Amino acid sequence: MKKLLASTCLVFGLLGGVSVSNAAECGSVTIASMNWQSAEVLSNLDKFILNEGYGCSAEITIGDTVPTITSMAEKGQPDIAPEAWIDLLPDVVKKGTDEGRIIKVGSPLPDGGVQGWWIPKYIADAHPEIKTIGDALKHPELFPAPEDPSKGAVINGPQGWGGTVVTTQLYNGFGAEKAGFTLVDTGSAAGLDGAIAKAYERKEGFLTYYWSPTALLGKYEMVKLEPGVSHDAAEWKRCNTVADCPDPKPNAWPVDTIVTLVAKPFSERVDPEVMEYLNKRSWSNETVSKLMAWMTDNQASGEEGAKQFLEENEDLWTKWVSPEAAEKIKAAL
């Protein structure tokens, strides 16, 4: 019996040594959680996988795009920015990567950040000829304005949003007013979501500005209209994004590039398997939008959303991690 106990203690001692070794190889990790839902759930997903699968001691720090990326480029902290919209800070990101302070590690959202004008899927299915903004503007009767059904409506976001400025300029550039449309100011983010939800629940036709990935698009199936023109970066900068530009032209929304940023010191000290996970880890806009819809409906936190994803999408996330890490993560759920 004493021999059995001794051998058992030896085994647990060895296993404990392995656990400590893994933690030492990974060590403490700071993960930036940006102040929007998709970034919140992704940072919690990384925390759970790194801690449970790779023996890290990861903690989340609350941040936002500009201060987080600037801090990583200048100070090497935090260690990871899981969902970095780098087109918002191109000069800082370029300087940081050129100087070897930060590195881009794959893309968590390879679809990119997608903005544009959307119609409900039931309208798109009933009218397959409507594929572009120009097609939709030929049919104001399918997208009646709430205050004046004799006109069509383009539902806009609240004042202060860049997307609201662009939608106003595209409304003018595409000649929507001459086509019999009016521009609807929803007043707030809640007002925009409310207008969409109300029309969708009633199965009414509507044409609206929106973006992906979002919880709302996870709940309501919508189709983004093609602009019918190529993206003109110079024209976009000159006029489409400038509120008082008098002569906007039709243009296409650019797709925002989203990557995972890692501080160079972290990449050099951490186990290569951790970097391999961060390189592989990605999900579609549709996947994360549906997850965010579940979080919204259930008033779930980022941590709860991460666990929901892991429990329901084993076939996806197990491709990101090593077999050994996968077993540890499953056991921790």
C-alpha atoms as a PDB file:
ATOM      1  CA  MET A   1       0.000   0.000   0.000  1.00  0.00           C
ATOM      2  CA  LYS A   2       2.848   2.343   0.898  1.00  0.00           C
ATOM      3  CA  LYS A   3       4.505   1.535  -2.439  1.00  0.00           C
ATOM      4  CA  LEU A   4       1.215   2.309  -4.222  1.00  0.00           C
ATOM      5  CA  LEU A   5       0.872   5.624  -2.407  1.00  0.00           C
ATOM      6  CA  ALA A   6       4.492   6.466  -3.107  1.00  0.00           C
ATOM      7  CA  SER A   7       4.128   5.702  -6.797  1.00  0.00           C
ATOM      8  CA  THR A   8       0.870   7.652  -6.958  1.00  0.00           C
ATOM      9  CA  CYS A   9       2.529  10.656  -5.347  1.00  0.00           C
ATOM     10  CA  LEU A  10       5.409  10.352  -7.791  1.00  0.00           C
ATOM     11  CA  VAL A  11       3.018  10.324 -10.766  1.00  0.00           C
ATOM     12  CA  PHE A  12       1.115  13.349  -9.502  1.00  0.00           C
ATOM     13  CA  GLY A  13       4.404  15.052  -8.761  1.00  0.00           C
ATOM     14  CA  LEU A  14       5.533  14.474 -12.324  1.00  0.00           C
ATOM     15  CA  LEU A  15       2.217  15.670 -13.723  1.00  0.00           C
ATOM     16  CA  GLY A  16       2.393  18.720 -11.523  1.00  0.00           C
ATOM     17  CA  GLY A  17       5.883  19.364 -12.848  1.00  0.00           C
ATOM     18  CA  VAL A  18       4.567  19.245 -16.406  1.00  0.00           C
ATOM     19  CA  SER A  19       1.805  21.721 -15.554  1.00  0.00           C
ATOM     20  CA  VAL A  20       4.255  24.128 -13.931  1.00  0.00           C
ATOM     21  CA  SER A  21       6.593  23.746 -16.902  1.00  0.00           C
ATOM     22  CA  ASN A  22       3.812  24.607 -19.371  1.00  0.00           C
ATOM     23  CA  ALA A  23       2.823  27.641 -17.314  1.00  0.00           C
ATOM     24  CA  ALA A  24       6.430  28.764 -17.218  1.00  0.00           C
ATOM     25  CA  GLU A  25       6.754  28.447 -20.989  1.00  0.00           C
ATOM     26  CA  CYS A  26       3.677  30.611 -21.482  1.00  0.00           C
ATOM     27  CA  GLY A  27       3.698  32.693 -18.308  1.00  0.00           C
ATOM     28  CA  SER A  28       1.475  35.678 -17.704  1.00  0.00           C
ATOM     29  CA  VAL A  29      -0.385  37.056 -20.711  1.00  0.00           C
ATOM     30  CA  THR A  30      -2.330  40.298 -21.081  1.00  0.00           C
ATOM     31  CA  ILE A  31      -5.151  40.230 -23.648  1.00  0.00           C
ATOM     32  CA  ALA A  32      -6.846  43.434 -24.785  1.00  0.00           C
ATOM     33  CA  SER A  33     -10.631  43.371 -24.882  1.00  0.00           C
ATOM     34  CA  MET A  34     -12.006  46.181 -27.037  1.00  0.00           C
ATOM     35  CA  ASN A  35     -15.317  47.801 -26.185  1.00  0.00           C
ATOM     36  CA  TRP A  36     -17.521  45.998 -28.700  1.00  0.00           C
ATOM     37  CA  GLN A  37     -19.187  42.616 -28.536  1.00  0.00           C
ATOM     38  CA  SER A  38     -17.227  40.567 -31.075  1.00  0.00           C
ATOM     39  CA  ALA A  39     -13.909  41.696 -29.580  1.00  0.00           C
ATOM     40  CA  GLU A  40     -15.158  41.007 -26.048  1.00  0.00           C
ATOM     41  CA  VAL A  41     -16.118  37.413 -26.780  1.00  0.00           C
ATOM     42  CA  LEU A  42     -12.936  36.757 -28.783  1.00  0.00           C
ATOM     43  CA  SER A  43     -10.682  38.006 -25.973  1.00  0.00           C
ATOM     44  CA  ASN A  44     -12.507  35.734 -23.531  1.00  0.00           C
ATOM     45  CA  LEU A  45     -12.193  32.833 -25.954  1.00  0.00           C
ATOM     46  CA  ASP A  46      -8.429  33.386 -26.199  1.00  0.00           C
ATOM     47  CA  LYS A  47      -8.161  33.625 -22.407  1.00  0.00           C
ATOM     48  CA  PHE A  48      -9.987  30.324 -21.865  1.00  0.00           C
ATOM     49  CA  ILE A  49      -8.045  28.452 -24.553  1.00  0.00           C
ATOM     50  CA  LEU A  50      -4.642  29.794 -23.511  1.00  0.00           C
ATOM     51  CA  ASN A  51      -5.253  29.138 -19.819  1.00  0.00           C
ATOM     52  CA  GLU A  52      -6.938  25.743 -20.054  1.00  0.00           C
ATOM     53  CA  GLY A  53      -5.245  24.409 -23.177  1.00  0.00           C
ATOM     54  CA  TYR A  54      -1.720  25.787 -22.914  1.00  0.00           C
ATOM     55  CA  GLY A  55      -1.177  26.439 -19.212  1.00  0.00           C
ATOM     56  CA  CYS A  56      -0.941  30.213 -19.535  1.00  0.00           C
ATOM     57  CA  SER A  57      -1.879  32.706 -16.860  1.00  0.00           C
ATOM     58  CA  ALA A  58      -3.868  35.038 -19.099  1.00  0.00           C
ATOM     59  CA  GLU A  59      -5.814  38.060 -17.930  1.00  0.00           C
ATOM     60  CA  ILE A  60      -7.986  40.517 -19.842  1.00  0.00           C
ATOM     61  CA  THR A  61      -7.338  44.236 -19.864  1.00  0.00           C
ATOM     62  CA  ILE A  62     -10.010  46.605 -21.145  1.00  0.00           C
ATOM     63  CA  GLY A  63      -8.875  48.753 -24.036  1.00  0.00           C
ATOM     64  CA  ASP A  64      -9.874  50.471 -27.242  1.00  0.00           C
ATOM     65  CA  THR A  65      -8.351  50.490 -30.702  1.00  0.00           C
ATOM     66  CA  VAL A  66      -6.221  53.641 -30.606  1.00  0.00           C
ATOM     67  CA  PRO A  67      -4.715  53.428 -27.075  1.00  0.00           C
ATOM     68  CA  THR A  68      -4.217  49.649 -27.243  1.00  0.00           C
ATOM     69  CA  ILE A  69      -2.377  49.527 -30.562  1.00  0.00           C
ATOM     70  CA  THR A  70      -0.358  52.636 -29.697  1.00  0.00           C
ATOM     71  CA  SER A  71       0.698  51.084 -26.380  1.00  0.00           C
ATOM     72  CA  MET A  72       1.678  47.816 -28.057  1.00  0.00           C
ATOM     73  CA  ALA A  73       3.771  49.644 -30.642  1.00  0.00           C
ATOM     74  CA  GLU A  74       5.515  51.857 -28.053  1.00  0.00           C
ATOM     75  CA  LYS A  75       5.645  49.757 -24.846  1.00  0.00           C
ATOM     76  CA  GLY A  76       5.061  46.126 -25.884  1.00  0.00           C
ATOM     77  CA  GLN A  77       1.903  45.868 -23.775  1.00  0.00           C
ATOM     78  CA  PRO A  78      -0.649  44.370 -23.810  1.00  0.00           C
ATOM     79  CA  ASP A  79       0.662  41.106 -25.259  1.00  0.00           C
ATOM     80  CA  ILE A  80      -2.268  40.382 -27.589  1.00  0.00           C
ATOM     81  CA  ALA A  81      -4.923  42.459 -29.337  1.00  0.00           C
ATOM     82  CA  PRO A  82      -7.197  39.691 -30.673  1.00  0.00           C
ATOM     83  CA  GLU A  83      -9.386  41.862 -32.912  1.00  0.00           C
ATOM     84  CA  ALA A  84      -7.462  44.851 -34.223  1.00  0.00           C
ATOM     85  CA  TRP A  85      -9.121  46.983 -36.908  1.00  0.00           C
ATOM     86  CA  ILE A  86      -5.810  48.215 -38.267  1.00  0.00           C
ATOM     87  CA  ASP A  87      -7.191  50.445 -41.047  1.00  0.00           C
ATOM     88  CA  LEU A  88      -8.119  52.909 -38.290  1.00  0.00           C
ATOM     89  CA  LEU A  89      -4.429  53.374 -37.396  1.00  0.00           C
ATOM     90  CA  PRO A  90      -2.400  52.521 -40.505  1.00  0.00           C
ATOM     91  CA  ASP A  91       0.599  54.737 -39.693  1.00  0.00           C
ATOM     92  CA  VAL A  92       0.975  53.475 -36.112  1.00  0.00           C
ATOM     93  CA  VAL A  93       0.668  49.832 -37.193  1.00  0.00           C
ATOM     94  CA  LYS A  94       3.175  50.284 -40.026  1.00  0.00           C
ATOM     95  CA  LYS A  95       5.687  52.013 -37.752  1.00  0.00           C
ATOM     96  CA  GLY A  96       5.272  49.319 -35.074  1.00  0.00           C
ATOM     97  CA  THR A  97       5.729  46.442 -37.525  1.00  0.00           C
ATOM     98  CA  ASP A  98       8.612  48.136 -39.374  1.00  0.00           C
ATOM     99  CA  GLU A  99      10.435  48.650 -36.079  1.00  0.00           C
ATOM    100  CA  GLY A 100       9.770  45.058 -35.001  1.00  0.00           C
ATOM    101  CA  ARG A 101       7.673  45.955 -31.955  1.00  0.00           C
ATOM    102  CA  ILE A 102       4.440  44.282 -33.063  1.00  0.00           C
ATOM    103  CA  ILE A 103       3.603  41.517 -35.515  1.00  0.00           C
ATOM    104  CA  LYS A 104       0.428  40.617 -37.370  1.00  0.00           C
ATOM    105  CA  VAL A 105      -0.730  37.091 -36.592  1.00  0.00           C
ATOM    106  CA  GLY A 106      -3.414  35.803 -38.935  1.00  0.00           C
ATOM    107  CA  SER A 107      -6.921  37.214 -39.058  1.00  0.00           C
ATOM    108  CA  PRO A 108      -9.703  36.360 -36.601  1.00  0.00           C
ATOM    109  CA  LEU A 109     -12.249  37.672 -39.106  1.00  0.00           C
ATOM    110  CA  PRO A 110     -11.029  36.921 -42.642  1.00  0.00           C
ATOM    111  CA  ASP A 111     -14.309  38.271 -44.068  1.00  0.00           C
ATOM    112  CA  GLY A 112     -13.213  41.658 -42.751  1.00  0.00           C
ATOM    113  CA  GLY A 113     -15.354  44.426 -41.348  1.00  0.00           C
ATOM    114  CA  VAL A 114     -18.163  44.867 -43.883  1.00  0.00           C
ATOM    115  CA  GLN A 115     -20.262  48.023 -44.131  1.00  0.00           C
ATOM    116  CA  GLY A 116     -22.877  48.891 -46.686  1.00  0.00           C
ATOM    117  CA  TRP A 117     -26.566  49.003 -47.554  1.00  0.00           C
ATOM    118  CA  TRP A 118     -28.628  45.926 -46.714  1.00  0.00           C
ATOM    119  CA  ILE A 119     -32.097  44.575 -47.470  1.00  0.00           C
ATOM    120  CA  PRO A 120     -33.946  41.734 -45.712  1.00  0.00           C
ATOM    121  CA  LYS A 121     -33.410  38.292 -47.189  1.00  0.00           C
ATOM    122  CA  TYR A 122     -37.145  37.790 -47.754  1.00  0.00           C
ATOM    123  CA  ILE A 123     -37.125  40.800 -50.108  1.00  0.00           C
ATOM    124  CA  ALA A 124     -33.977  39.560 -51.863  1.00  0.00           C
ATOM    125  CA  ASP A 125     -35.554  36.103 -52.312  1.00  0.00           C
ATOM    126  CA  ALA A 126     -38.811  37.557 -53.649  1.00  0.00           C
ATOM    127  CA  HIS A 127     -36.969  39.915 -56.021  1.00  0.00           C
ATOM    128  CA  PRO A 128     -33.800  38.172 -57.249  1.00  0.00           C
ATOM    129  CA  GLU A 129     -33.296  40.929 -59.824  1.00  0.00           C
ATOM    130  CA  ILE A 130     -32.302  43.303 -56.995  1.00  0.00           C
ATOM    131  CA  LYS A 131     -28.586  42.785 -56.487  1.00  0.00           C
ATOM    132  CA  THR A 132     -27.098  46.291 -56.482  1.00  0.00           C
ATOM    133  CA  ILE A 133     -27.855  49.675 -54.952  1.00  0.00           C
ATOM    134  CA  GLY A 134     -28.910  50.858 -58.400  1.00  0.00           C
ATOM    135  CA  ASP A 135     -31.350  47.946 -58.701  1.00  0.00           C
ATOM    136  CA  ALA A 136     -32.942  48.798 -55.345  1.00  0.00           C
ATOM    137  CA  LEU A 137     -33.300  52.479 -56.227  1.00  0.00           C
ATOM    138  CA  LYS A 138     -35.483  51.490 -59.195  1.00  0.00           C
ATOM    139  CA  HIS A 139     -38.083  50.167 -56.727  1.00  0.00           C
ATOM    140  CA  PRO A 140     -38.996  52.751 -54.072  1.00  0.00           C
ATOM    141  CA  GLU A 141     -42.326  50.962 -53.651  1.00  0.00           C
ATOM    142  CA  LEU A 142     -40.546  47.951 -52.105  1.00  0.00           C
ATOM    143  CA  PHE A 143     -38.893  50.072 -49.387  1.00  0.00           C
ATOM    144  CA  PRO A 144     -41.630  52.484 -48.225  1.00  0.00           C
ATOM    145  CA  ALA A 145     -40.721  55.391 -45.945  1.00  0.00           C
ATOM    146  CA  PRO A 146     -42.427  55.146 -42.532  1.00  0.00           C
ATOM    147  CA  GLU A 147     -43.701  58.732 -42.652  1.00  0.00           C
ATOM    148  CA  ASP A 148     -44.551  58.810 -46.371  1.00  0.00           C
ATOM    149  CA  PRO A 149     -45.176  55.406 -48.009  1.00  0.00           C
ATOM    150  CA  SER A 150     -45.396  57.074 -51.401  1.00  0.00           C
ATOM    151  CA  LYS A 151     -41.610  57.398 -51.220  1.00  0.00           C
ATOM    152  CA  GLY A 152     -38.867  54.885 -50.666  1.00  0.00           C
ATOM    153  CA  ALA A 153     -36.541  55.191 -47.667  1.00  0.00           C
ATOM    154  CA  VAL A 154     -32.868  54.706 -46.970  1.00  0.00           C
ATOM    155  CA  ILE A 155     -32.504  54.169 -43.220  1.00  0.00           C
ATOM    156  CA  ASN A 156     -29.409  55.919 -41.873  1.00  0.00           C
ATOM    157  CA  GLY A 157     -27.448  55.732 -38.627  1.00  0.00           C
ATOM    158  CA  PRO A 158     -27.250  58.467 -35.975  1.00  0.00           C
ATOM    159  CA  GLN A 159     -25.354  61.720 -36.324  1.00  0.00           C
ATOM    160  CA  GLY A 160     -21.710  61.446 -35.315  1.00  0.00           C
ATOM    161  CA  TRP A 161     -21.036  58.107 -36.999  1.00  0.00           C
ATOM    162  CA  GLY A 162     -18.660  57.920 -39.937  1.00  0.00           C
ATOM    163  CA  GLY A 163     -21.050  55.454 -41.569  1.00  0.00           C
ATOM    164  CA  THR A 164     -23.834  58.027 -41.352  1.00  0.00           C
ATOM    165  CA  VAL A 165     -21.756  60.590 -43.231  1.00  0.00           C
ATOM    166  CA  VAL A 166     -20.868  58.051 -45.917  1.00  0.00           C
ATOM    167  CA  THR A 167     -24.465  56.868 -46.294  1.00  0.00           C
ATOM    168  CA  THR A 168     -25.627  60.476 -46.718  1.00  0.00           C
ATOM    169  CA  GLN A 169     -22.995  61.093 -49.380  1.00  0.00           C
ATOM    170  CA  LEU A 170     -23.782  57.827 -51.194  1.00  0.00           C
ATOM    171  CA  TYR A 171     -27.491  58.697 -51.025  1.00  0.00           C
ATOM    172  CA  ASN A 172     -26.599  61.890 -52.876  1.00  0.00           C
ATOM    173  CA  GLY A 173     -24.020  60.279 -55.151  1.00  0.00           C
ATOM    174  CA  PHE A 174     -26.360  57.526 -56.326  1.00  0.00           C
ATOM    175  CA  GLY A 175     -29.184  60.054 -56.904  1.00  0.00           C
ATOM    176  CA  ALA A 176     -31.544  58.414 -54.431  1.00  0.00           C
ATOM    177  CA  GLU A 177     -33.703  61.509 -53.958  1.00  0.00           C
ATOM    178  CA  LYS A 178     -34.346  61.773 -57.701  1.00  0.00           C
ATOM    179  CA  ALA A 179     -35.229  58.075 -57.670  1.00  0.00           C
ATOM    180  CA  GLY A 180     -38.048  58.781 -55.194  1.00  0.00           C
ATOM    181  CA  PHE A 181     -36.304  58.030 -51.895  1.00  0.00           C
ATOM    182  CA  THR A 182     -35.934  59.939 -48.644  1.00  0.00           C
ATOM    183  CA  LEU A 183     -33.165  59.623 -46.053  1.00  0.00           C
ATOM    184  CA  VAL A 184     -34.349  58.565 -42.577  1.00  0.00           C
ATOM    185  CA  ASP A 185     -32.417  59.772 -39.511  1.00  0.00           C
ATOM    186  CA  THR A 186     -32.873  57.143 -36.773  1.00  0.00           C
ATOM    187  CA  GLY A 187     -31.343  59.373 -34.086  1.00  0.00           C
ATOM    188  CA  SER A 188     -29.316  56.747 -32.207  1.00  0.00           C
ATOM    189  CA  ALA A 189     -27.832  53.263 -32.419  1.00  0.00           C
ATOM    190  CA  ALA A 190     -30.879  51.938 -30.555  1.00  0.00           C
ATOM    191  CA  GLY A 191     -33.132  53.818 -32.965  1.00  0.00           C
ATOM    192  CA  LEU A 192     -31.418  52.230 -35.954  1.00  0.00           C
ATOM    193  CA  ASP A 193     -31.660  48.729 -34.509  1.00  0.00           C
ATOM    194  CA  GLY A 194     -35.253  49.348 -33.468  1.00  0.00           C
ATOM    195  CA  ALA A 195     -36.298  50.513 -36.930  1.00  0.00           C
ATOM    196  CA  ILE A 196     -34.756  47.423 -38.509  1.00  0.00           C
ATOM    197  CA  ALA A 197     -36.214  45.006 -35.953  1.00  0.00           C
ATOM    198  CA  LYS A 198     -39.704  46.511 -36.217  1.00  0.00           C
ATOM    199  CA  ALA A 199     -39.773  46.311 -40.010  1.00  0.00           C
ATOM    200  CA  TYR A 200     -38.270  42.801 -40.049  1.00  0.00           C
ATOM    201  CA  GLU A 201     -40.749  41.396 -37.526  1.00  0.00           C
ATOM    202  CA  ARG A 202     -43.567  42.792 -39.687  1.00  0.00           C
ATOM    203  CA  LYS A 203     -41.917  41.407 -42.846  1.00  0.00           C
ATOM    204  CA  GLU A 204     -41.868  44.871 -44.381  1.00  0.00           C
ATOM    205  CA  GLY A 205     -39.424  45.989 -47.028  1.00  0.00           C
ATOM    206  CA  PHE A 206     -36.572  48.285 -45.995  1.00  0.00           C
ATOM    207  CA  LEU A 207     -33.177  49.473 -47.206  1.00  0.00           C
ATOM    208  CA  THR A 208     -30.691  50.332 -44.475  1.00  0.00           C
ATOM    209  CA  TYR A 209     -27.114  51.135 -43.605  1.00  0.00           C
ATOM    210  CA  TYR A 210     -25.517  48.463 -41.409  1.00  0.00           C
ATOM    211  CA  TRP A 211     -22.321  46.508 -40.867  1.00  0.00           C
ATOM    212  CA  SER A 212     -21.014  43.026 -40.078  1.00  0.00           C
ATOM    213  CA  PRO A 213     -20.236  41.226 -37.856  1.00  0.00           C
ATOM    214  CA  THR A 214     -23.072  42.250 -35.536  1.00  0.00           C
ATOM    215  CA  ALA A 215     -25.639  40.582 -33.277  1.00  0.00           C
ATOM    216  CA  LEU A 216     -28.475  42.082 -35.307  1.00  0.00           C
ATOM    217  CA  LEU A 217     -27.301  40.400 -38.518  1.00  0.00           C
ATOM    218  CA  GLY A 218     -26.945  37.186 -36.541  1.00  0.00           C
ATOM    219  CA  LYS A 219     -30.618  37.405 -35.599  1.00  0.00           C
ATOM    220  CA  TYR A 220     -32.108  38.793 -38.816  1.00  0.00           C
ATOM    221  CA  GLU A 221     -31.027  37.414 -42.191  1.00  0.00           C
ATOM    222  CA  MET A 222     -30.128  40.289 -44.491  1.00  0.00           C
ATOM    223  CA  VAL A 223     -28.356  40.655 -47.814  1.00  0.00           C
ATOM    224  CA  LYS A 224     -25.797  43.340 -48.576  1.00  0.00           C
ATOM    225  CA  LEU A 225     -26.359  45.084 -51.896  1.00  0.00           C
ATOM    226  CA  GLU A 226     -23.405  45.304 -54.246  1.00  0.00           C
ATOM    227  CA  PRO A 227     -22.498  48.914 -55.021  1.00  0.00           C
ATOM    228  CA  GLY A 228     -22.221  48.271 -58.753  1.00  0.00           C
ATOM    229  CA  VAL A 229     -18.980  50.262 -58.894  1.00  0.00           C
ATOM    230  CA  SER A 230     -15.402  49.603 -57.804  1.00  0.00           C
ATOM    231  CA  HIS A 231     -13.890  51.227 -54.732  1.00  0.00           C
ATOM    232  CA  ASP A 232     -12.179  54.502 -55.589  1.00  0.00           C
ATOM    233  CA  ALA A 233      -9.891  55.278 -52.636  1.00  0.00           C
ATOM    234  CA  ALA A 234      -9.061  58.805 -53.770  1.00  0.00           C
ATOM    235  CA  GLU A 235     -12.710  59.729 -54.271  1.00  0.00           C
ATOM    236  CA  TRP A 236     -13.618  58.064 -50.973  1.00  0.00           C
ATOM    237  CA  LYS A 237     -11.131  60.274 -49.137  1.00  0.00           C
ATOM    238  CA  ARG A 238     -11.942  63.413 -51.135  1.00  0.00           C
ATOM    239  CA  CYS A 239     -15.699  63.368 -50.859  1.00  0.00           C
ATOM    240  CA  ASN A 240     -17.555  60.231 -49.696  1.00  0.00           C
ATOM    241  CA  THR A 241     -16.273  60.632 -46.126  1.00  0.00           C
ATOM    242  CA  VAL A 242     -16.539  64.439 -46.032  1.00  0.00           C
ATOM    243  CA  ALA A 243     -19.888  65.714 -44.778  1.00  0.00           C
ATOM    244  CA  ASP A 244     -19.897  69.029 -46.641  1.00  0.00           C
ATOM    245  CA  CYS A 245     -18.489  67.795 -49.953  1.00  0.00           C
ATOM    246  CA  PRO A 246     -20.941  69.090 -52.587  1.00  0.00           C
ATOM    247  CA  ASP A 247     -20.367  66.605 -55.413  1.00  0.00           C
ATOM    248  CA  PRO A 248     -20.177  62.989 -54.161  1.00  0.00           C
ATOM    249  CA  LYS A 249     -19.935  60.166 -56.687  1.00  0.00           C
ATOM    250  CA  PRO A 250     -21.143  56.570 -56.406  1.00  0.00           C
ATOM    251  CA  ASN A 251     -18.530  54.471 -54.626  1.00  0.00           C
ATOM    252  CA  ALA A 252     -17.992  51.119 -52.915  1.00  0.00           C
ATOM    253  CA  TRP A 253     -17.342  50.699 -49.205  1.00  0.00           C
ATOM    254  CA  PRO A 254     -13.839  49.385 -48.498  1.00  0.00           C
ATOM    255  CA  VAL A 255     -13.624  46.187 -46.447  1.00  0.00           C
ATOM    256  CA  ASP A 256     -11.898  46.871 -43.121  1.00  0.00           C
ATOM    257  CA  THR A 257      -8.857  44.687 -42.452  1.00  0.00           C
ATOM    258  CA  ILE A 258      -8.999  42.886 -39.100  1.00  0.00           C
ATOM    259  CA  VAL A 259      -5.966  41.066 -37.706  1.00  0.00           C
ATOM    260  CA  THR A 260      -4.608  39.783 -34.420  1.00  0.00           C
ATOM    261  CA  LEU A 261      -1.667  41.866 -33.205  1.00  0.00           C
ATOM    262  CA  VAL A 262       0.970  40.416 -30.903  1.00  0.00           C
ATOM    263  CA  ALA A 263       3.764  42.260 -29.099  1.00  0.00           C
ATOM    264  CA  LYS A 264       7.134  41.049 -30.389  1.00  0.00           C
ATOM    265  CA  PRO A 265       8.576  40.202 -26.919  1.00  0.00           C
ATOM    266  CA  PHE A 266       5.588  37.945 -26.236  1.00  0.00           C
ATOM    267  CA  SER A 267       5.987  36.132 -29.566  1.00  0.00           C
ATOM    268  CA  GLU A 268       9.621  35.400 -28.776  1.00  0.00           C
ATOM    269  CA  ARG A 269       9.158  34.011 -25.266  1.00  0.00           C
ATOM    270  CA  VAL A 270       5.965  32.004 -25.677  1.00  0.00           C
ATOM    271  CA  ASP A 271       5.622  28.346 -26.704  1.00  0.00           C
ATOM    272  CA  PRO A 272       5.414  28.128 -30.551  1.00  0.00           C
ATOM    273  CA  GLU A 273       2.146  26.179 -30.161  1.00  0.00           C
ATOM    274  CA  VAL A 274       0.514  29.291 -28.714  1.00  0.00           C
ATOM    275  CA  MET A 275       1.549  31.315 -31.755  1.00  0.00           C
ATOM    276  CA  GLU A 276       0.292  28.530 -33.999  1.00  0.00           C
ATOM    277  CA  TYR A 277      -3.105  28.710 -32.287  1.00  0.00           C
ATOM    278  CA  LEU A 278      -3.286  32.495 -32.772  1.00  0.00           C
ATOM    279  CA  ASN A 279      -2.390  32.038 -36.452  1.00  0.00           C
ATOM    280  CA  LYS A 280      -5.102  29.422 -37.032  1.00  0.00           C
ATOM    281  CA  ARG A 281      -7.876  30.902 -34.911  1.00  0.00           C
ATOM    282  CA  SER A 282     -10.498  32.525 -37.145  1.00  0.00           C
ATOM    283  CA  TRP A 283     -14.250  32.502 -37.653  1.00  0.00           C
ATOM    284  CA  SER A 284     -16.637  33.846 -40.246  1.00  0.00           C
ATOM    285  CA  ASN A 285     -18.749  36.966 -39.794  1.00  0.00           C
ATOM    286  CA  GLU A 286     -21.825  34.731 -39.915  1.00  0.00           C
ATOM    287  CA  THR A 287     -20.518  32.515 -37.100  1.00  0.00           C
ATOM    288  CA  VAL A 288     -19.659  35.364 -34.749  1.00  0.00           C
ATOM    289  CA  SER A 289     -22.837  37.302 -35.616  1.00  0.00           C
ATOM    290  CA  LYS A 290     -24.979  34.323 -34.602  1.00  0.00           C
ATOM    291  CA  LEU A 291     -22.966  33.954 -31.401  1.00  0.00           C
ATOM    292  CA  MET A 292     -23.467  37.643 -30.611  1.00  0.00           C
ATOM    293  CA  ALA A 293     -27.200  37.284 -31.266  1.00  0.00           C
ATOM    294  CA  TRP A 294     -27.271  34.452 -28.699  1.00  0.00           C
ATOM    295  CA  MET A 295     -25.339  36.651 -26.242  1.00  0.00           C
ATOM    296  CA  THR A 296     -27.732  39.553 -26.747  1.00  0.00           C
ATOM    297  CA  ASP A 297     -30.856  37.410 -26.373  1.00  0.00           C
ATOM    298  CA  ASN A 298     -29.460  35.776 -23.223  1.00  0.00           C
ATOM    299  CA  GLN A 299     -27.789  38.902 -21.808  1.00  0.00           C
ATOM    300  CA  ALA A 300     -24.594  36.846 -21.732  1.00  0.00           C
ATOM    301  CA  SER A 301     -21.132  38.116 -20.902  1.00  0.00           C
ATOM    302  CA  GLY A 302     -18.072  37.633 -23.091  1.00  0.00           C
ATOM    303  CA  GLU A 303     -16.973  34.754 -20.859  1.00  0.00           C
ATOM    304  CA  GLU A 304     -20.355  33.046 -21.180  1.00  0.00           C
ATOM    305  CA  GLY A 305     -20.333  33.612 -24.945  1.00  0.00           C
ATOM    306  CA  ALA A 306     -16.885  32.025 -25.237  1.00  0.00           C
ATOM    307  CA  LYS A 307     -18.012  28.901 -23.373  1.00  0.00           C
ATOM    308  CA  GLN A 308     -21.186  28.694 -25.466  1.00  0.00           C
ATOM    309  CA  PHE A 309     -19.086  28.793 -28.622  1.00  0.00           C
ATOM    310  CA  LEU A 310     -16.693  26.098 -27.358  1.00  0.00           C
ATOM    311  CA  GLU A 311     -19.565  23.825 -26.338  1.00  0.00           C
ATOM    312  CA  GLU A 312     -21.447  24.193 -29.625  1.00  0.00           C
ATOM    313  CA  ASN A 313     -18.608  24.375 -32.189  1.00  0.00           C
ATOM    314  CA  GLU A 314     -16.122  21.664 -31.290  1.00  0.00           C
ATOM    315  CA  ASP A 315     -15.655  20.754 -34.958  1.00  0.00           C
ATOM    316  CA  LEU A 316     -14.367  24.294 -35.627  1.00  0.00           C
ATOM    317  CA  TRP A 317     -12.151  25.203 -32.674  1.00  0.00           C
ATOM    318  CA  THR A 318     -10.429  21.819 -32.396  1.00  0.00           C
ATOM    319  CA  LYS A 319      -8.802  22.591 -35.766  1.00  0.00           C
ATOM    320  CA  TRP A 320      -7.091  25.599 -34.177  1.00  0.00           C
ATOM    321  CA  VAL A 321      -5.396  23.818 -31.261  1.00  0.00           C
ATOM    322  CA  SER A 322      -3.130  20.833 -30.692  1.00  0.00           C
ATOM    323  CA  PRO A 323      -4.807  17.485 -29.830  1.00  0.00           C
ATOM    324  CA  GLU A 324      -3.390  17.696 -26.307  1.00  0.00           C
ATOM    325  CA  ALA A 325      -4.759  21.214 -25.798  1.00  0.00           C
ATOM    326  CA  ALA A 326      -8.137  20.152 -27.205  1.00  0.00           C
ATOM    327  CA  GLU A 327      -8.516  17.422 -24.580  1.00  0.00           C
ATOM    328  CA  LYS A 328      -7.636  19.828 -21.761  1.00  0.00           C
ATOM    329  CA  ILE A 329     -10.121  22.405 -23.037  1.00  0.00           C
ATOM    330  CA  LYS A 330     -12.917  19.832 -23.317  1.00  0.00           C
ATOM    331  CA  ALA A 331     -12.226  18.673 -19.758  1.00  0.00           C
ATOM    332  CA  ALA A 332     -12.418  22.263 -18.484  1.00  0.00           C
ATOM    333  CA  LEU A 333     -15.819  23.006 -20.002  1.00  0.00           C
END
